[in-house]
Amino acid sequence: MTEYEHTVYILKCSDGTLYTGYTNDMEHRLNMHEEGKGAKYTRGRGPFQVMYIEKFPTKQEAMQKEYQIKQLSRTEKFQLIRGRLKEVIEHENSKKL
């Protein structure tokens, strides 16, 4: 097992809704959603856009984060997504310096 293989993610569905989930294999899980075999909520709502990914060293930490995100309002979820995007951009820019 590799470090940080437990992933929490947010998908934007084709109808504009957001779905939050947990996986230890993101590529496989996204394929399951696309094939209509993922979560019941996502069936018929594809294609999907991955909006947020956060990785954790333990399943417990990832599941706790998933629960926290699911308690957020739609607006708060978008704030979380924007915050993560800002972190990624700042990190990429600092690597260029």
C-alpha atoms as a PDB file:
ATOM      1  CA  MET A   1       0.000   0.000   0.000  1.00  0.00           C
ATOM      2  CA  THR A   2       1.179   3.458  -0.836  1.00  0.00           C
ATOM      3  CA  GLU A   3       0.843   6.529   1.310  1.00  0.00           C
ATOM      4  CA  TYR A   4      -2.168   8.771   0.753  1.00  0.00           C
ATOM      5  CA  GLU A   5      -4.203   6.279  -1.235  1.00  0.00           C
ATOM      6  CA  HIS A   6      -7.472   7.197   0.487  1.00  0.00           C
ATOM      7  CA  THR A   7      -9.207   9.888  -1.536  1.00  0.00           C
ATOM      8  CA  VAL A   8     -12.206  12.137  -0.974  1.00  0.00           C
ATOM      9  CA  TYR A   9     -13.603  13.728  -4.108  1.00  0.00           C
ATOM     10  CA  ILE A  10     -16.371  15.996  -5.327  1.00  0.00           C
ATOM     11  CA  LEU A  11     -17.903  15.462  -8.752  1.00  0.00           C
ATOM     12  CA  LYS A  12     -20.002  17.961 -10.634  1.00  0.00           C
ATOM     13  CA  CYS A  13     -22.755  16.073 -12.427  1.00  0.00           C
ATOM     14  CA  SER A  14     -24.107  17.055 -15.847  1.00  0.00           C
ATOM     15  CA  ASP A  15     -27.240  18.458 -14.166  1.00  0.00           C
ATOM     16  CA  GLY A  16     -25.064  20.818 -12.093  1.00  0.00           C
ATOM     17  CA  THR A  17     -25.424  18.948  -8.807  1.00  0.00           C
ATOM     18  CA  LEU A  18     -22.442  17.944  -6.677  1.00  0.00           C
ATOM     19  CA  TYR A  19     -21.620  14.452  -5.415  1.00  0.00           C
ATOM     20  CA  THR A  20     -19.075  13.789  -2.670  1.00  0.00           C
ATOM     21  CA  GLY A  21     -17.493  10.361  -2.291  1.00  0.00           C
ATOM     22  CA  TYR A  22     -14.598   8.302  -0.982  1.00  0.00           C
ATOM     23  CA  THR A  23     -12.381   5.824  -2.808  1.00  0.00           C
ATOM     24  CA  ASN A  24      -9.003   4.141  -2.631  1.00  0.00           C
ATOM     25  CA  ASP A  25      -8.821   3.907  -6.453  1.00  0.00           C
ATOM     26  CA  MET A  26      -9.932   7.161  -8.084  1.00  0.00           C
ATOM     27  CA  GLU A  27      -9.596   6.047 -11.700  1.00  0.00           C
ATOM     28  CA  HIS A  28     -11.646   2.885 -11.109  1.00  0.00           C
ATOM     29  CA  ARG A  29     -14.281   4.765  -9.103  1.00  0.00           C
ATOM     30  CA  LEU A  30     -14.700   7.440 -11.771  1.00  0.00           C
ATOM     31  CA  ASN A  31     -15.108   4.713 -14.409  1.00  0.00           C
ATOM     32  CA  MET A  32     -17.795   3.085 -12.249  1.00  0.00           C
ATOM     33  CA  HIS A  33     -19.673   6.399 -12.026  1.00  0.00           C
ATOM     34  CA  GLU A  34     -19.393   6.900 -15.802  1.00  0.00           C
ATOM     35  CA  GLU A  35     -20.717   3.370 -16.444  1.00  0.00           C
ATOM     36  CA  GLY A  36     -23.704   3.980 -14.166  1.00  0.00           C
ATOM     37  CA  LYS A  37     -22.426   1.445 -11.638  1.00  0.00           C
ATOM     38  CA  GLY A  38     -21.177   3.937  -9.059  1.00  0.00           C
ATOM     39  CA  ALA A  39     -23.357   5.505  -6.405  1.00  0.00           C
ATOM     40  CA  LYS A  40     -27.102   5.378  -6.943  1.00  0.00           C
ATOM     41  CA  TYR A  41     -27.206   9.192  -6.871  1.00  0.00           C
ATOM     42  CA  THR A  42     -24.869   9.548  -9.856  1.00  0.00           C
ATOM     43  CA  ARG A  43     -26.685   7.106 -12.166  1.00  0.00           C
ATOM     44  CA  GLY A  44     -27.906   8.953 -15.223  1.00  0.00           C
ATOM     45  CA  ARG A  45     -26.193  12.186 -14.158  1.00  0.00           C
ATOM     46  CA  GLY A  46     -22.979  11.818 -16.169  1.00  0.00           C
ATOM     47  CA  PRO A  47     -20.700  12.903 -17.634  1.00  0.00           C
ATOM     48  CA  PHE A  48     -18.892  14.115 -14.555  1.00  0.00           C
ATOM     49  CA  GLN A  49     -16.255  16.720 -13.855  1.00  0.00           C
ATOM     50  CA  VAL A  50     -13.878  16.124 -10.946  1.00  0.00           C
ATOM     51  CA  MET A  51     -13.974  19.353  -8.954  1.00  0.00           C
ATOM     52  CA  TYR A  52     -12.035  18.438  -5.808  1.00  0.00           C
ATOM     53  CA  ILE A  53      -9.613  15.748  -4.666  1.00  0.00           C
ATOM     54  CA  GLU A  54      -7.973  15.399  -1.270  1.00  0.00           C
ATOM     55  CA  LYS A  55      -5.842  12.422  -0.285  1.00  0.00           C
ATOM     56  CA  PHE A  56      -5.296  10.993   3.188  1.00  0.00           C
ATOM     57  CA  PRO A  57      -2.958   8.394   4.721  1.00  0.00           C
ATOM     58  CA  THR A  58      -5.802   6.514   6.448  1.00  0.00           C
ATOM     59  CA  LYS A  59      -9.328   5.503   5.526  1.00  0.00           C
ATOM     60  CA  GLN A  60     -10.596   6.918   8.819  1.00  0.00           C
ATOM     61  CA  GLU A  61      -9.262  10.407   8.047  1.00  0.00           C
ATOM     62  CA  ALA A  62     -10.730  10.298   4.550  1.00  0.00           C
ATOM     63  CA  MET A  63     -14.134   9.148   5.795  1.00  0.00           C
ATOM     64  CA  GLN A  64     -14.164  11.930   8.393  1.00  0.00           C
ATOM     65  CA  LYS A  65     -13.425  14.517   5.683  1.00  0.00           C
ATOM     66  CA  GLU A  66     -16.122  13.040   3.429  1.00  0.00           C
ATOM     67  CA  TYR A  67     -18.633  13.376   6.271  1.00  0.00           C
ATOM     68  CA  GLN A  68     -17.552  16.983   6.937  1.00  0.00           C
ATOM     69  CA  ILE A  69     -17.955  17.904   3.273  1.00  0.00           C
ATOM     70  CA  LYS A  70     -21.384  16.276   3.087  1.00  0.00           C
ATOM     71  CA  GLN A  71     -22.525  18.537   5.932  1.00  0.00           C
ATOM     72  CA  LEU A  72     -21.640  21.662   3.929  1.00  0.00           C
ATOM     73  CA  SER A  73     -24.116  23.680   1.895  1.00  0.00           C
ATOM     74  CA  ARG A  74     -23.681  23.874  -1.878  1.00  0.00           C
ATOM     75  CA  THR A  75     -22.176  27.367  -1.501  1.00  0.00           C
ATOM     76  CA  GLU A  76     -19.716  26.136   1.134  1.00  0.00           C
ATOM     77  CA  LYS A  77     -18.704  23.221  -1.112  1.00  0.00           C
ATOM     78  CA  PHE A  78     -17.893  25.648  -3.925  1.00  0.00           C
ATOM     79  CA  GLN A  79     -15.874  27.755  -1.464  1.00  0.00           C
ATOM     80  CA  LEU A  80     -13.931  24.599  -0.541  1.00  0.00           C
ATOM     81  CA  ILE A  81     -13.340  23.824  -4.227  1.00  0.00           C
ATOM     82  CA  ARG A  82     -12.155  27.386  -4.929  1.00  0.00           C
ATOM     83  CA  GLY A  83      -9.844  27.283  -1.906  1.00  0.00           C
ATOM     84  CA  ARG A  84      -8.260  24.031  -3.104  1.00  0.00           C
ATOM     85  CA  LEU A  85      -7.847  25.387  -6.630  1.00  0.00           C
ATOM     86  CA  LYS A  86      -6.135  28.481  -5.231  1.00  0.00           C
ATOM     87  CA  GLU A  87      -3.731  26.259  -3.235  1.00  0.00           C
ATOM     88  CA  VAL A  88      -2.855  24.256  -6.363  1.00  0.00           C
ATOM     89  CA  ILE A  89      -2.235  27.399  -8.432  1.00  0.00           C
ATOM     90  CA  GLU A  90      -0.056  28.936  -5.710  1.00  0.00           C
ATOM     91  CA  HIS A  91       1.901  25.682  -5.381  1.00  0.00           C
ATOM     92  CA  GLU A  92       2.483  25.487  -9.143  1.00  0.00           C
ATOM     93  CA  ASN A  93       3.566  29.121  -9.283  1.00  0.00           C
ATOM     94  CA  SER A  94       6.040  28.645  -6.422  1.00  0.00           C
ATOM     95  CA  LYS A  95       7.624  25.695  -8.284  1.00  0.00           C
ATOM     96  CA  LYS A  96       8.341  27.997 -11.248  1.00  0.00           C
ATOM     97  CA  LEU A  97      10.317  30.474  -9.152  1.00  0.00           C
END
